[in-house]
C-alpha atoms as a PDB file:
ATOM      1  CA  GLY A   1       9.427  11.301   4.681  1.00  0.00           C
ATOM      2  CA  ARG A   2       7.288   9.402   2.203  1.00  0.00           C
ATOM      3  CA  VAL A   3       7.021   6.432   4.564  1.00  0.00           C
ATOM      4  CA  GLN A   4       5.966   8.794   7.348  1.00  0.00           C
ATOM      5  CA  MET A   5       3.281  10.214   5.082  1.00  0.00           C
ATOM      6  CA  ALA A   6       2.116   6.744   4.025  1.00  0.00           C
ATOM      7  CA  THR A   7       1.685   5.748   7.621  1.00  0.00           C
ATOM      8  CA  GLY A   8      -0.164   8.969   8.525  1.00  0.00           C
ATOM      9  CA  ASP A   9       2.649  10.517  10.533  1.00  0.00           C
ATOM     10  CA  LEU A  10       2.339  13.950   8.976  1.00  0.00           C
ATOM     11  CA  GLN A  11       3.809  15.778  11.935  1.00  0.00           C
ATOM     12  CA  GLN A  12       7.080  13.910  11.399  1.00  0.00           C
ATOM     13  CA  ALA A  13       6.983  14.007   7.619  1.00  0.00           C
ATOM     14  CA  LEU A  14       7.001  17.809   7.483  1.00  0.00           C
ATOM     15  CA  PRO A  15      10.338  18.321   9.301  1.00  0.00           C
ATOM     16  CA  THR A  16      11.850  15.387   7.406  1.00  0.00           C
ATOM     17  CA  PHE A  17      11.052  17.067   4.094  1.00  0.00           C
ATOM     18  CA  ARG A  18      12.298  20.406   5.431  1.00  0.00           C
ATOM     19  CA  LYS A  19      15.670  18.780   6.176  1.00  0.00           C
ATOM     20  CA  LEU A  20      15.628  17.461   2.527  1.00  0.00           C
ATOM     21  CA  GLN A  21      14.916  20.973   1.258  1.00  0.00           C
ATOM     22  CA  ALA A  22      17.924  22.311   3.239  1.00  0.00           C
ATOM     23  CA  LEU A  23      20.122  19.655   1.628  1.00  0.00           C
ATOM     24  CA  GLU A  24      18.762  20.284  -1.856  1.00  0.00           C
ATOM     25  CA  PRO A  25      17.995  24.032  -2.019  1.00  0.00           C
ATOM     26  CA  ARG A  26      17.993  24.180  -5.801  1.00  0.00           C
ATOM     27  CA  SER A  27      15.587  21.271  -6.246  1.00  0.00           C
ATOM     28  CA  ALA A  28      11.852  21.687  -6.531  1.00  0.00           C
ATOM     29  CA  MET A  29      11.084  18.180  -5.364  1.00  0.00           C
ATOM     30  CA  PRO A  30      11.361  18.859  -1.591  1.00  0.00           C
ATOM     31  CA  TRP A  31       8.949  21.780  -1.853  1.00  0.00           C
ATOM     32  CA  VAL A  32       6.510  19.534  -3.733  1.00  0.00           C
ATOM     33  CA  ARG A  33       6.772  16.956  -0.923  1.00  0.00           C
ATOM     34  CA  ILE A  34       6.246  19.703   1.683  1.00  0.00           C
ATOM     35  CA  ALA A  35       3.165  20.874  -0.206  1.00  0.00           C
ATOM     36  CA  GLY A  36       1.886  17.285  -0.244  1.00  0.00           C
ATOM     37  CA  VAL A  37       2.000  17.243   3.544  1.00  0.00           C
ATOM     38  CA  TYR A  38       0.149  20.553   3.742  1.00  0.00           C
ATOM     39  CA  MET A  39      -2.524  19.245   1.365  1.00  0.00           C
ATOM     40  CA  ALA A  40      -2.901  16.097   3.465  1.00  0.00           C
ATOM     41  CA  GLN A  41      -3.353  18.405   6.480  1.00  0.00           C
ATOM     42  CA  LYS A  42      -6.098  20.289   4.659  1.00  0.00           C
ATOM     43  CA  ASN A  43      -3.973  23.410   4.482  1.00  0.00           C
ATOM     44  CA  PRO A  44      -3.948  24.346   0.759  1.00  0.00           C
ATOM     45  CA  THR A  45      -2.848  27.916   1.486  1.00  0.00           C
ATOM     46  CA  ALA A  46       0.444  26.708   2.939  1.00  0.00           C
ATOM     47  CA  ALA A  47       0.714  24.241   0.017  1.00  0.00           C
ATOM     48  CA  VAL A  48       0.353  27.108  -2.434  1.00  0.00           C
ATOM     49  CA  GLU A  49       3.257  28.964  -0.772  1.00  0.00           C
ATOM     50  CA  ALA A  50       5.492  25.911  -0.977  1.00  0.00           C
ATOM     51  CA  LEU A  51       4.564  25.186  -4.589  1.00  0.00           C
ATOM     52  CA  GLN A  52       5.171  28.744  -5.662  1.00  0.00           C
ATOM     53  CA  LYS A  53       8.717  28.343  -4.404  1.00  0.00           C
ATOM     54  CA  ALA A  54       8.956  25.044  -6.352  1.00  0.00           C
ATOM     55  CA  VAL A  55       7.849  26.419  -9.700  1.00  0.00           C
ATOM     56  CA  ALA A  56      10.363  29.260  -9.404  1.00  0.00           C
ATOM     57  CA  LEU A  57      13.250  26.747  -9.487  1.00  0.00           C
ATOM     58  CA  PRO A  58      14.860  25.460 -12.708  1.00  0.00           C
ATOM     59  CA  ASP A  59      13.338  22.013 -12.344  1.00  0.00           C
ATOM     60  CA  GLY A  60       9.935  23.274 -11.162  1.00  0.00           C
ATOM     61  CA  ALA A  61       7.829  22.069 -14.087  1.00  0.00           C
ATOM     62  CA  ASP A  62       6.395  19.113 -12.145  1.00  0.00           C
ATOM     63  CA  ALA A  63       5.055  21.552  -9.562  1.00  0.00           C
ATOM     64  CA  ALA A  64       2.784  23.436 -11.964  1.00  0.00           C
ATOM     65  CA  THR A  65      -0.139  21.011 -11.864  1.00  0.00           C
ATOM     66  CA  PRO A  66      -0.040  20.606  -8.049  1.00  0.00           C
ATOM     67  CA  LEU A  67       0.058  24.418  -7.729  1.00  0.00           C
ATOM     68  CA  HIS A  68      -3.066  24.726  -9.842  1.00  0.00           C
ATOM     69  CA  LEU A  69      -4.782  22.109  -7.742  1.00  0.00           C
ATOM     70  CA  ALA A  70      -3.728  23.776  -4.509  1.00  0.00           C
ATOM     71  CA  LEU A  71      -4.938  27.189  -5.701  1.00  0.00           C
ATOM     72  CA  VAL A  72      -8.341  25.762  -6.563  1.00  0.00           C
ATOM     73  CA  ALA A  73      -8.461  23.956  -3.234  1.00  0.00           C
ATOM     74  CA  ALA A  74      -7.634  27.245  -1.506  1.00  0.00           C
ATOM     75  CA  GLY A  75     -10.609  28.856  -3.247  1.00  0.00           C
ATOM     76  CA  LYS A  76      -8.380  31.043  -5.434  1.00  0.00           C
ATOM     77  CA  THR A  77      -9.960  30.109  -8.734  1.00  0.00           C
ATOM     78  CA  ASP A  78      -9.138  33.364 -10.528  1.00  0.00           C
ATOM     79  CA  GLU A  79      -5.480  33.087  -9.461  1.00  0.00           C
ATOM     80  CA  ALA A  80      -5.479  29.420 -10.598  1.00  0.00           C
ATOM     81  CA  ARG A  81      -6.831  30.413 -14.016  1.00  0.00           C
ATOM     82  CA  SER A  82      -4.268  33.194 -14.346  1.00  0.00           C
ATOM     83  CA  MET A  83      -1.452  30.933 -13.231  1.00  0.00           C
ATOM     84  CA  ALA A  84      -2.415  28.273 -15.770  1.00  0.00           C
ATOM     85  CA  GLN A  85      -2.616  30.790 -18.596  1.00  0.00           C
ATOM     86  CA  ASP A  86       0.788  32.218 -17.749  1.00  0.00           C
ATOM     87  CA  TRP A  87       2.391  28.822 -17.391  1.00  0.00           C
ATOM     88  CA  ILE A  88       1.045  27.549 -20.708  1.00  0.00           C
ATOM     89  CA  ARG A  89       2.198  30.721 -22.464  1.00  0.00           C
ATOM     90  CA  THR A  90       5.699  30.711 -21.052  1.00  0.00           C
ATOM     91  CA  HIS A  91       6.286  26.909 -21.191  1.00  0.00           C
ATOM     92  CA  PRO A  92       5.214  25.888 -24.710  1.00  0.00           C
ATOM     93  CA  LYS A  93       6.935  22.518 -24.553  1.00  0.00           C
ATOM     94  CA  ASP A  94       5.325  21.452 -21.224  1.00  0.00           C
ATOM     95  CA  VAL A  95       1.920  19.828 -21.872  1.00  0.00           C
ATOM     96  CA  ASN A  96       1.387  18.306 -18.406  1.00  0.00           C
ATOM     97  CA  LEU A  97      -0.706  21.178 -17.128  1.00  0.00           C
ATOM     98  CA  LEU A  98      -2.749  21.192 -20.339  1.00  0.00           C
ATOM     99  CA  LEU A  99      -3.481  17.495 -19.877  1.00  0.00           C
ATOM    100  CA  HIS A 100      -4.528  18.168 -16.298  1.00  0.00           C
ATOM    101  CA  LEU A 101      -6.903  20.941 -17.420  1.00  0.00           C
ATOM    102  CA  ALA A 102      -8.338  18.681 -20.107  1.00  0.00           C
ATOM    103  CA  GLN A 103      -9.005  15.916 -17.587  1.00  0.00           C
ATOM    104  CA  GLN A 104     -10.503  18.459 -15.180  1.00  0.00           C
ATOM    105  CA  ALA A 105     -12.840  19.719 -17.881  1.00  0.00           C
ATOM    106  CA  THR A 106     -13.884  16.171 -18.743  1.00  0.00           C
ATOM    107  CA  GLN A 107     -14.733  15.518 -15.068  1.00  0.00           C
ATOM    108  CA  GLN A 108     -16.771  18.679 -15.032  1.00  0.00           C
ATOM    109  CA  LYS A 109     -18.629  17.494 -18.189  1.00  0.00           C
ATOM    110  CA  ASP A 110     -17.319  20.514 -20.111  1.00  0.00           C
ATOM    111  CA  LEU A 111     -16.545  18.430 -23.215  1.00  0.00           C
ATOM    112  CA  PRO A 112     -15.913  21.368 -25.575  1.00  0.00           C
ATOM    113  CA  ALA A 113     -13.278  22.764 -23.197  1.00  0.00           C
ATOM    114  CA  ALA A 114     -11.705  19.318 -22.775  1.00  0.00           C
ATOM    115  CA  GLU A 115     -11.609  18.801 -26.545  1.00  0.00           C
ATOM    116  CA  ALA A 116     -10.000  22.227 -27.015  1.00  0.00           C
ATOM    117  CA  ARG A 117      -7.297  21.407 -24.422  1.00  0.00           C
ATOM    118  CA  TYR A 118      -6.503  18.049 -25.930  1.00  0.00           C
ATOM    119  CA  ARG A 119      -6.193  19.633 -29.397  1.00  0.00           C
ATOM    120  CA  GLU A 120      -3.790  22.166 -27.951  1.00  0.00           C
ATOM    121  CA  VAL A 121      -1.701  19.382 -26.458  1.00  0.00           C
ATOM    122  CA  LEU A 122      -1.503  17.733 -29.888  1.00  0.00           C
ATOM    123  CA  GLN A 123      -0.484  20.985 -31.505  1.00  0.00           C
ATOM    124  CA  ARG A 124       2.507  21.096 -29.146  1.00  0.00           C
ATOM    125  CA  ALA A 125       3.196  17.382 -28.869  1.00  0.00           C
ATOM    126  CA  PRO A 126       1.598  15.518 -31.881  1.00  0.00           C
ATOM    127  CA  GLY A 127       2.441  12.046 -30.642  1.00  0.00           C
ATOM    128  CA  ASN A 128       1.090  12.427 -27.116  1.00  0.00           C
ATOM    129  CA  LEU A 129      -0.676   9.176 -26.498  1.00  0.00           C
ATOM    130  CA  ALA A 130      -2.881  10.389 -23.626  1.00  0.00           C
ATOM    131  CA  ALA A 131      -4.180  13.264 -25.666  1.00  0.00           C
ATOM    132  CA  LEU A 132      -4.786  11.117 -28.755  1.00  0.00           C
ATOM    133  CA  ASN A 133      -6.594   8.396 -26.813  1.00  0.00           C
ATOM    134  CA  ASN A 134      -8.682  10.759 -24.677  1.00  0.00           C
ATOM    135  CA  LEU A 135      -9.614  13.035 -27.565  1.00  0.00           C
ATOM    136  CA  ALA A 136     -10.599   9.979 -29.625  1.00  0.00           C
ATOM    137  CA  TYR A 137     -12.902   8.880 -26.810  1.00  0.00           C
ATOM    138  CA  LEU A 138     -14.413  12.351 -26.471  1.00  0.00           C
ATOM    139  CA  LEU A 139     -15.087  12.597 -30.183  1.00  0.00           C
ATOM    140  CA  ALA A 140     -16.664   9.145 -30.210  1.00  0.00           C
ATOM    141  CA  GLU A 141     -18.737   9.886 -27.094  1.00  0.00           C
ATOM    142  CA  GLN A 142     -20.160  12.962 -28.799  1.00  0.00           C
ATOM    143  CA  LYS A 143     -20.493  11.077 -32.074  1.00  0.00           C
ATOM    144  CA  LYS A 144     -18.306  13.648 -33.770  1.00  0.00           C
ATOM    145  CA  PRO A 145     -16.245  12.707 -36.807  1.00  0.00           C
ATOM    146  CA  GLY A 146     -12.629  11.760 -36.327  1.00  0.00           C
ATOM    147  CA  GLY A 147     -12.786   9.490 -33.306  1.00  0.00           C
ATOM    148  CA  VAL A 148     -11.978   6.279 -35.146  1.00  0.00           C
ATOM    149  CA  ALA A 149      -9.089   7.874 -37.127  1.00  0.00           C
ATOM    150  CA  MET A 150      -7.575   9.343 -33.935  1.00  0.00           C
ATOM    151  CA  ALA A 151      -7.887   6.088 -32.018  1.00  0.00           C
ATOM    152  CA  GLU A 152      -6.282   4.213 -34.936  1.00  0.00           C
ATOM    153  CA  GLN A 153      -3.432   6.717 -34.882  1.00  0.00           C
ATOM    154  CA  ALA A 154      -2.841   6.168 -31.177  1.00  0.00           C
ATOM    155  CA  LEU A 155      -2.843   2.416 -31.645  1.00  0.00           C
ATOM    156  CA  LYS A 156      -0.260   2.632 -34.394  1.00  0.00           C
ATOM    157  CA  LEU A 157       2.086   4.465 -32.029  1.00  0.00           C
ATOM    158  CA  ALA A 158       1.594   1.911 -29.244  1.00  0.00           C
ATOM    159  CA  PRO A 159       0.222  -1.411 -30.655  1.00  0.00           C
ATOM    160  CA  GLU A 160      -1.362  -4.031 -28.367  1.00  0.00           C
ATOM    161  CA  GLN A 161      -2.156  -1.598 -25.569  1.00  0.00           C
ATOM    162  CA  PRO A 162      -5.447  -2.726 -23.968  1.00  0.00           C
ATOM    163  CA  ASN A 163      -6.663   0.795 -23.104  1.00  0.00           C
ATOM    164  CA  LEU A 164      -6.069   2.019 -26.660  1.00  0.00           C
ATOM    165  CA  LEU A 165      -7.794  -1.061 -28.121  1.00  0.00           C
ATOM    166  CA  ASP A 166     -10.739  -0.351 -25.744  1.00  0.00           C
ATOM    167  CA  THR A 167     -10.991   3.236 -27.010  1.00  0.00           C
ATOM    168  CA  LEU A 168     -10.809   2.153 -30.671  1.00  0.00           C
ATOM    169  CA  ALA A 169     -13.497  -0.448 -30.032  1.00  0.00           C
ATOM    170  CA  PHE A 170     -15.723   2.216 -28.462  1.00  0.00           C
ATOM    171  CA  ALA A 171     -15.155   4.511 -31.389  1.00  0.00           C
ATOM    172  CA  TYR A 172     -16.000   1.733 -33.872  1.00  0.00           C
ATOM    173  CA  ALA A 173     -19.204   0.949 -31.930  1.00  0.00           C
ATOM    174  CA  GLN A 174     -20.248   4.627 -31.860  1.00  0.00           C
ATOM    175  CA  ASP A 175     -19.631   4.649 -35.575  1.00  0.00           C
ATOM    176  CA  GLY A 176     -21.902   1.602 -36.071  1.00  0.00           C
ATOM    177  CA  GLN A 177     -19.031  -0.781 -36.945  1.00  0.00           C
ATOM    178  CA  ILE A 178     -19.891  -3.435 -34.377  1.00  0.00           C
ATOM    179  CA  ALA A 179     -17.925  -6.282 -35.942  1.00  0.00           C
ATOM    180  CA  LYS A 180     -14.674  -4.263 -35.780  1.00  0.00           C
ATOM    181  CA  ALA A 181     -15.556  -3.085 -32.310  1.00  0.00           C
ATOM    182  CA  LEU A 182     -15.937  -6.712 -31.115  1.00  0.00           C
ATOM    183  CA  THR A 183     -12.585  -7.670 -32.714  1.00  0.00           C
ATOM    184  CA  HIS A 184     -10.670  -4.946 -30.990  1.00  0.00           C
ATOM    185  CA  GLN A 185     -12.430  -5.296 -27.639  1.00  0.00           C
ATOM    186  CA  GLY A 186     -11.697  -9.037 -27.773  1.00  0.00           C
ATOM    187  CA  ARG A 187      -8.018  -8.264 -28.320  1.00  0.00           C
ATOM    188  CA  ALA A 188      -8.104  -5.906 -25.356  1.00  0.00           C
ATOM    189  CA  VAL A 189      -9.578  -8.573 -23.133  1.00  0.00           C
ATOM    190  CA  ALA A 190      -7.084 -11.136 -24.374  1.00  0.00           C
ATOM    191  CA  LEU A 191      -4.231  -8.821 -23.416  1.00  0.00           C
ATOM    192  CA  ALA A 192      -5.699  -7.977 -19.980  1.00  0.00           C
ATOM    193  CA  PRO A 193      -7.931 -10.864 -19.007  1.00  0.00           C
ATOM    194  CA  GLY A 194      -8.153  -9.704 -15.411  1.00  0.00           C
ATOM    195  CA  ASN A 195      -9.632  -6.311 -16.261  1.00  0.00           C
ATOM    196  CA  ASP A 196     -13.328  -6.470 -15.512  1.00  0.00           C
ATOM    197  CA  ASP A 197     -14.084  -3.153 -17.172  1.00  0.00           C
ATOM    198  CA  LEU A 198     -12.765  -4.457 -20.526  1.00  0.00           C
ATOM    199  CA  ARG A 199     -14.800  -7.647 -20.098  1.00  0.00           C
ATOM    200  CA  LEU A 200     -17.966  -5.645 -19.291  1.00  0.00           C
ATOM    201  CA  ALA A 201     -17.428  -3.505 -22.397  1.00  0.00           C
ATOM    202  CA  LEU A 202     -17.030  -6.722 -24.487  1.00  0.00           C
ATOM    203  CA  ALA A 203     -20.238  -8.181 -23.012  1.00  0.00           C
ATOM    204  CA  ARG A 204     -22.118  -5.006 -23.899  1.00  0.00           C
ATOM    205  CA  LEU A 205     -20.868  -5.138 -27.449  1.00  0.00           C
ATOM    206  CA  GLN A 206     -21.913  -8.802 -27.677  1.00  0.00           C
ATOM    207  CA  ILE A 207     -25.411  -7.870 -26.513  1.00  0.00           C
ATOM    208  CA  GLN A 208     -25.479  -5.078 -29.049  1.00  0.00           C
ATOM    209  CA  ALA A 209     -24.460  -7.587 -31.689  1.00  0.00           C
ATOM    210  CA  GLY A 210     -27.235  -9.946 -30.594  1.00  0.00           C
ATOM    211  CA  ASP A 211     -24.874 -12.604 -29.147  1.00  0.00           C
ATOM    212  CA  LYS A 212     -26.467 -13.021 -25.723  1.00  0.00           C
ATOM    213  CA  VAL A 213     -24.818 -16.415 -25.138  1.00  0.00           C
ATOM    214  CA  ALA A 214     -21.303 -14.960 -25.491  1.00  0.00           C
ATOM    215  CA  ALA A 215     -22.314 -11.958 -23.363  1.00  0.00           C
ATOM    216  CA  ARG A 216     -23.580 -14.247 -20.618  1.00  0.00           C
ATOM    217  CA  ALA A 217     -20.316 -16.219 -20.711  1.00  0.00           C
ATOM    218  CA  GLU A 218     -18.342 -13.019 -20.375  1.00  0.00           C
ATOM    219  CA  HIS A 219     -20.439 -12.011 -17.369  1.00  0.00           C
ATOM    220  CA  ILE A 220     -19.786 -15.345 -15.743  1.00  0.00           C
ATOM    221  CA  ALA A 221     -16.021 -14.904 -16.373  1.00  0.00           C
ATOM    222  CA  GLN A 222     -16.189 -11.618 -14.498  1.00  0.00           C
ATOM    223  CA  VAL A 223     -17.837 -13.236 -11.521  1.00  0.00           C
END
C-alpha cells in the first residue's frame, strides 16, 4: 500500500489498506494509512472519518495529530480546536499533539501561543528535547531571558547534536556573546560539514565578529 502511494497509484492503495484494516481490526495504523490516501486525494472529510475511527482504538494516539490536520483541512476549525482541547485534557502523558500545535503557532507567527504550548510540553515531559530546543530558539528570537539556559540544558541532555549547538550559538549571539556563539556554531559545522544552513549561520557570525576573511572562506566552502 505504501509503495502504491509512493508511485501515485492511490486507487490501488485504498483497497490495499482496507484489506489491512480487515486483517488488523484493533489497530489504528490501517485507518491512518487510509486517511493518508484520502488526504492525498484532497478529500479531508473522508480522512476525518477514518481518523476518528483510529483515535477511538487503544493504540490511536498517533492518529491525534493527523486528525487535527484533517479537521483544519476540511474547514472544521472549531471542531479541530475542540478536539485538541479534549485530547490534551484526557491524554496528559501524550505531548505529540501539543508539539504539533506549538509548531503550527510558530509557522503562523503566533510566538506567544507557541511559547505557551512548548512550556506546557515541558511541564508534562521535562526532558523533551524538541520542546527545549524550540523554546530556547523562540526565547532567543524575541530576546527574552532564558534562551541560553534552556539551550544549554538541551545540549546537556544530548551533547554534540548539531541542531542543538546551532540553537545555543544563536542564543549566545542574541545575548551578545559572539565569541561563545562562534565556538558552538563552529562545533556544529564540524559535526555536520555538509549542512549549508549551519555554514551560513557561521559565516554570519563571523561577519558580525568582524572576521570577513573567515566568512568569505565559509561562503566558498558552501559553493
